[in-house]
Amino acid sequence: MPLGLSDNLFKRIVSALALLPVVLGLVYLGGWWFFALLAVGGWLMLKEWCALTGVRSTGLVQTQIGFVIALTAIATYLAAEHFATFALYLLATSFALVFVPPGKLAKRADIGSSSSNAYVGTAYVLLALLSLTWLRSVDDNGITVIWLFFAVWAMDVGGYFAGKGIGGPKLAPKLSPKKTWAGLIGGMVLAAVVSAAISMLFGLGTPFWLALAGAGVAVVAQMGDLYESAVKRALNAKDSGNLIPGHGGILDRVDGLVFAAPAVALVLISLQFSKTAN
């Protein structure tokens, strides 16, 4: 294997390098280009969620996907008009629906007659899409979203190598046996370093505060990762899918982003409200 990398790691690197320019390019273009990225991503996420949780009603799945894409399109327009209050209400509603304990999800054998998992999946996907839609409206060139992506990716990379290289006590052995405290700290450090670098290169905030924010994003992203691990464990699944070589399914790659994006959006919206109040 090239450079002595494992087969899985090599596939992960190649897949990431292939997808990175496309994703960043659409983020930079913004507008309906960015909406297209979210629409395709949301469609894949929700279909994968339904396959993972055993939702078999094709009509229901199509309706849920249509609802997610339509609401994201509406939010794209409203976010461009900076309707922060609207965004806050949508995010709060999605948060309330998503935080269903994984153990409460209907088991795969029972899902044929139940739509509850489909509704949780809709909220789960919508939470990420609406957050990213609003965050893209914060600036003209998408640097806030690009920073968020890199902070989450840094958490994944730092966590992977620190966890492999250092090992040590497990972070949440019942949910994800391979994750360690060393991995979490390594991810936080790399996310902070990457965030400080982005601050200096693009003038986004100040290096210290953005580094601190990057470390915070890493923690929230890890929570998202553990949440999806809990879902898969509750449903006796190893991966959410096999869409991306070396990465598993799309949900396996964006689980941290699903939690980190709304967290960042809510912080920024709250700051906007506090400035307006003062």
Protein backbone atom coordinates (compact mmCIF):
# COMPACT_ATOMS: atom_id res chain seq x y z
CA MET A 1 0.00 0.00 0.00
CA PRO A 2 1.38 3.52 -0.87
CA LEU A 3 3.34 5.25 1.91
CA GLY A 4 2.75 2.26 4.18
CA LEU A 5 -0.89 3.26 4.73
CA SER A 6 -3.55 0.70 5.49
CA ASP A 7 -6.00 -0.07 2.70
CA ASN A 8 -8.87 1.58 4.59
CA LEU A 9 -6.89 4.73 5.41
CA PHE A 10 -5.67 5.04 1.82
CA LYS A 11 -9.27 4.84 0.55
CA ARG A 12 -10.34 7.46 3.08
CA ILE A 13 -7.63 9.88 1.96
CA VAL A 14 -8.36 9.41 -1.76
CA SER A 15 -12.11 9.82 -1.21
CA ALA A 16 -11.60 12.97 0.86
CA LEU A 17 -9.26 14.54 -1.70
CA ALA A 18 -11.73 13.78 -4.50
CA LEU A 19 -14.72 15.27 -2.68
CA LEU A 20 -13.02 18.26 -1.04
CA PRO A 21 -12.73 20.58 -4.10
CA VAL A 22 -16.36 19.95 -5.11
CA VAL A 23 -17.74 20.60 -1.64
CA LEU A 24 -15.63 23.71 -1.00
CA GLY A 25 -16.38 25.06 -4.47
CA LEU A 26 -20.15 24.82 -3.96
CA VAL A 27 -19.85 26.37 -0.49
CA TYR A 28 -17.91 29.29 -1.98
CA LEU A 29 -20.44 29.82 -4.81
CA GLY A 30 -23.29 29.89 -2.30
CA GLY A 31 -26.89 30.61 -3.29
CA TRP A 32 -28.65 27.89 -5.21
CA TRP A 33 -25.34 26.14 -5.90
CA PHE A 34 -25.02 25.59 -2.17
CA PHE A 35 -28.67 24.59 -1.99
CA ALA A 36 -27.96 21.92 -4.64
CA LEU A 37 -25.20 20.55 -2.43
CA LEU A 38 -27.52 20.45 0.57
CA ALA A 39 -30.40 18.98 -1.43
CA VAL A 40 -28.30 16.10 -2.76
CA GLY A 41 -26.66 15.58 0.63
CA GLY A 42 -30.02 15.67 2.42
CA TRP A 43 -31.54 13.21 -0.04
CA LEU A 44 -28.67 10.76 0.47
CA MET A 45 -28.70 11.22 4.25
CA LEU A 46 -32.40 10.60 4.63
CA LYS A 47 -32.42 7.60 2.29
CA GLU A 48 -29.51 6.15 4.22
CA TRP A 49 -31.22 6.82 7.55
CA CYS A 50 -34.36 5.02 6.36
CA ALA A 51 -32.31 2.05 5.14
CA LEU A 52 -30.37 1.99 8.42
CA THR A 53 -33.46 2.10 10.61
CA GLY A 54 -35.51 -0.21 8.40
CA VAL A 55 -38.17 2.22 7.17
CA ARG A 56 -39.74 0.36 4.26
CA SER A 57 -42.56 2.63 3.11
CA THR A 58 -41.38 4.02 -0.22
CA GLY A 59 -44.17 6.61 -0.33
CA LEU A 60 -43.33 7.81 3.16
CA VAL A 61 -39.63 8.05 2.37
CA GLN A 62 -40.29 10.06 -0.78
CA THR A 63 -42.62 12.39 1.11
CA GLN A 64 -40.06 12.94 3.86
CA ILE A 65 -37.28 13.64 1.35
CA GLY A 66 -39.49 16.06 -0.57
CA PHE A 67 -40.39 17.85 2.66
CA VAL A 68 -36.75 18.22 3.69
CA ILE A 69 -35.66 19.56 0.30
CA ALA A 70 -38.63 21.94 0.02
CA LEU A 71 -38.12 23.37 3.48
CA THR A 72 -34.41 23.74 2.83
CA ALA A 73 -35.20 25.66 -0.37
CA ILE A 74 -37.50 28.00 1.58
CA ALA A 75 -34.84 28.42 4.26
CA THR A 76 -32.24 29.20 1.57
CA TYR A 77 -34.31 32.18 0.47
CA LEU A 78 -35.17 33.32 3.98
CA ALA A 79 -31.58 32.94 5.18
CA ALA A 80 -30.44 35.16 2.33
CA GLU A 81 -32.83 37.76 3.73
CA HIS A 82 -31.31 37.24 7.21
CA PHE A 83 -34.46 36.07 8.96
CA ALA A 84 -32.59 35.03 12.08
CA THR A 85 -35.74 34.63 14.17
CA PHE A 86 -37.20 32.20 11.65
CA ALA A 87 -33.97 30.22 11.63
CA LEU A 88 -33.93 30.05 15.42
CA TYR A 89 -37.46 28.66 15.60
CA LEU A 90 -36.73 26.03 12.95
CA LEU A 91 -33.54 24.96 14.69
CA ALA A 92 -35.20 24.77 18.09
CA THR A 93 -37.99 22.60 16.66
CA SER A 94 -35.53 20.27 14.96
CA PHE A 95 -33.45 19.99 18.13
CA ALA A 96 -36.53 18.95 20.10
CA LEU A 97 -37.35 16.22 17.58
CA VAL A 98 -33.81 14.91 17.15
CA PHE A 99 -32.98 14.36 20.78
CA VAL A 100 -34.85 11.10 21.04
CA PRO A 101 -32.77 8.56 22.98
CA PRO A 102 -31.43 6.06 20.43
CA GLY A 103 -32.78 3.20 22.49
CA LYS A 104 -36.28 4.59 21.94
CA LEU A 105 -36.03 4.15 18.16
CA ALA A 106 -38.25 1.38 16.87
CA LYS A 107 -36.34 -1.83 16.32
CA ARG A 108 -35.76 -2.91 12.72
CA ALA A 109 -38.16 -5.83 12.98
CA ASP A 110 -40.99 -3.53 14.08
CA ILE A 111 -40.52 -0.70 11.63
CA GLY A 112 -42.62 -1.97 8.78
CA SER A 113 -45.73 -0.66 10.52
CA SER A 114 -44.15 2.37 12.18
CA SER A 115 -43.17 5.77 10.79
CA SER A 116 -41.57 7.12 13.98
CA ASN A 117 -38.02 6.49 12.82
CA ALA A 118 -38.70 8.29 9.56
CA TYR A 119 -39.84 11.40 11.44
CA VAL A 120 -36.79 11.34 13.71
CA GLY A 121 -34.60 10.96 10.63
CA THR A 122 -36.31 13.93 8.97
CA ALA A 123 -35.59 16.13 11.97
CA TYR A 124 -32.03 14.82 12.19
CA VAL A 125 -31.27 15.70 8.56
CA LEU A 126 -33.24 18.95 8.60
CA LEU A 127 -31.31 20.10 11.66
CA ALA A 128 -28.05 20.02 9.71
CA LEU A 129 -29.41 21.47 6.47
CA LEU A 130 -31.17 24.45 8.04
CA SER A 131 -28.16 25.24 10.20
CA LEU A 132 -25.78 25.20 7.23
CA THR A 133 -28.24 27.25 5.18
CA TRP A 134 -28.29 30.00 7.76
CA LEU A 135 -24.53 29.85 8.39
CA ARG A 136 -23.86 30.34 4.67
CA SER A 137 -25.77 33.63 4.86
CA VAL A 138 -23.45 35.00 7.56
CA ASP A 139 -20.79 36.18 5.08
CA ASP A 140 -20.39 36.63 1.32
CA ASN A 141 -17.75 34.00 0.59
CA GLY A 142 -18.82 31.12 2.82
CA ILE A 143 -15.75 31.28 5.06
CA THR A 144 -17.83 30.58 8.19
CA VAL A 145 -19.10 27.30 6.73
CA ILE A 146 -15.64 26.46 5.37
CA TRP A 147 -14.15 27.03 8.85
CA LEU A 148 -16.82 24.79 10.38
CA PHE A 149 -16.12 22.03 7.87
CA PHE A 150 -12.39 22.18 8.52
CA ALA A 151 -12.87 22.23 12.30
CA VAL A 152 -15.02 19.09 12.13
CA TRP A 153 -12.62 17.40 9.71
CA ALA A 154 -9.70 18.32 11.98
CA MET A 155 -11.53 16.66 14.87
CA ASP A 156 -11.87 13.48 12.80
CA VAL A 157 -8.22 13.49 11.65
CA GLY A 158 -6.75 14.50 15.01
CA GLY A 159 -8.95 12.04 16.83
CA TYR A 160 -8.03 9.21 14.48
CA PHE A 161 -4.26 9.63 14.73
CA ALA A 162 -4.14 10.53 18.43
CA GLY A 163 -6.42 7.62 19.25
CA LYS A 164 -4.35 5.21 17.18
CA GLY A 165 -0.98 6.52 18.32
CA ILE A 166 -1.65 7.13 22.01
CA GLY A 167 -4.58 4.93 22.93
CA GLY A 168 -5.37 4.97 26.63
CA PRO A 169 -8.70 5.15 28.48
CA LYS A 170 -11.84 4.72 26.42
CA LEU A 171 -14.15 7.69 25.94
CA ALA A 172 -17.46 5.83 25.75
CA PRO A 173 -16.76 2.09 25.53
CA LYS A 174 -20.42 1.07 25.50
CA LEU A 175 -21.16 3.27 22.50
CA SER A 176 -17.91 3.28 20.52
CA PRO A 177 -15.19 0.96 21.85
CA LYS A 178 -12.41 2.43 19.69
CA LYS A 179 -12.76 6.06 20.76
CA THR A 180 -10.41 7.30 23.49
CA TRP A 181 -9.92 10.41 25.58
CA ALA A 182 -6.59 10.87 23.81
CA GLY A 183 -8.46 10.92 20.50
CA LEU A 184 -10.85 13.59 21.77
CA ILE A 185 -8.01 15.78 23.04
CA GLY A 186 -6.02 15.25 19.84
CA GLY A 187 -9.05 16.27 17.78
CA MET A 188 -9.62 19.36 19.91
CA VAL A 189 -5.97 20.43 19.55
CA LEU A 190 -5.92 20.00 15.77
CA ALA A 191 -9.30 21.75 15.40
CA ALA A 192 -7.95 24.67 17.46
CA VAL A 193 -4.75 24.89 15.38
CA VAL A 194 -6.65 24.73 12.08
CA SER A 195 -9.12 27.36 13.31
CA ALA A 196 -6.32 29.73 14.35
CA ALA A 197 -4.70 29.27 10.93
CA ILE A 198 -7.99 30.07 9.15
CA SER A 199 -8.40 33.16 11.33
CA MET A 200 -4.96 34.44 10.34
CA LEU A 201 -5.37 33.58 6.65
CA PHE A 202 -8.87 34.91 6.09
CA GLY A 203 -9.38 37.40 8.92
CA LEU A 204 -12.24 35.46 10.50
CA GLY A 205 -12.40 36.62 14.11
CA THR A 206 -9.22 36.61 16.20
CA PRO A 207 -6.89 33.57 16.29
CA PHE A 208 -7.29 32.90 20.02
CA TRP A 209 -11.08 33.05 20.10
CA LEU A 210 -11.51 31.10 16.88
CA ALA A 211 -9.08 28.45 18.17
CA LEU A 212 -11.20 28.20 21.32
CA ALA A 213 -14.33 27.95 19.17
CA GLY A 214 -12.66 25.25 17.08
CA ALA A 215 -11.93 23.20 20.19
CA GLY A 216 -15.55 23.61 21.26
CA VAL A 217 -16.77 22.52 17.82
CA ALA A 218 -14.59 19.42 18.15
CA VAL A 219 -16.31 18.46 21.42
CA VAL A 220 -19.79 18.95 19.93
CA ALA A 221 -18.78 17.03 16.80
CA GLN A 222 -17.63 14.15 18.99
CA MET A 223 -21.03 14.17 20.68
CA GLY A 224 -22.65 13.88 17.26
CA ASP A 225 -20.37 10.97 16.43
CA LEU A 226 -21.31 9.22 19.65
CA TYR A 227 -25.01 9.84 19.05
CA GLU A 228 -24.85 8.09 15.69
CA SER A 229 -22.80 5.30 17.25
CA ALA A 230 -25.56 4.87 19.81
CA VAL A 231 -28.17 4.73 17.04
CA LYS A 232 -26.21 2.08 15.15
CA ARG A 233 -25.64 0.08 18.31
CA ALA A 234 -29.35 0.24 19.18
CA LEU A 235 -30.16 -1.04 15.70
CA ASN A 236 -27.30 -3.58 15.56
CA ALA A 237 -25.62 -1.93 12.56
CA LYS A 238 -21.88 -1.44 11.99
CA ASP A 239 -21.98 1.37 9.40
CA SER A 240 -24.76 3.62 8.16
CA GLY A 241 -23.97 2.58 4.57
CA ASN A 242 -21.18 2.02 2.07
CA LEU A 243 -21.48 5.06 -0.17
CA ILE A 244 -17.96 6.47 0.31
CA PRO A 245 -14.97 4.10 -0.03
CA GLY A 246 -13.14 3.81 3.27
CA HIS A 247 -15.67 6.01 5.06
CA GLY A 248 -18.83 3.93 5.18
CA GLY A 249 -22.05 5.86 4.61
CA ILE A 250 -22.61 9.58 4.33
CA LEU A 251 -24.09 9.64 7.83
CA ASP A 252 -20.84 8.18 9.14
CA ARG A 253 -19.00 11.19 7.68
CA VAL A 254 -21.36 14.01 8.66
CA ASP A 255 -22.53 12.83 12.09
CA GLY A 256 -20.27 15.37 13.81
CA LEU A 257 -21.42 18.13 11.47
CA VAL A 258 -25.08 17.40 12.22
CA PHE A 259 -24.47 18.47 15.83
CA ALA A 260 -21.75 21.08 15.28
CA ALA A 261 -23.59 23.14 12.64
CA PRO A 262 -26.68 23.92 14.76
CA ALA A 263 -24.52 24.58 17.82
CA VAL A 264 -22.51 27.21 15.93
CA ALA A 265 -25.65 28.65 14.32
CA LEU A 266 -27.43 29.02 17.66
CA VAL A 267 -24.40 30.73 19.22
CA LEU A 268 -24.14 33.22 16.35
CA ILE A 269 -27.89 33.87 16.29
CA SER A 270 -27.84 34.46 20.05
CA LEU A 271 -24.97 36.91 19.65
CA GLN A 272 -26.94 38.75 16.98
CA PHE A 273 -29.96 39.01 19.25
CA SER A 274 -27.84 40.25 22.17
CA LYS A 275 -26.28 42.97 19.99
CA THR A 276 -29.73 44.02 18.78
CA ALA A 277 -31.04 44.13 22.34
CA ASN A 278 -28.16 46.36 23.42
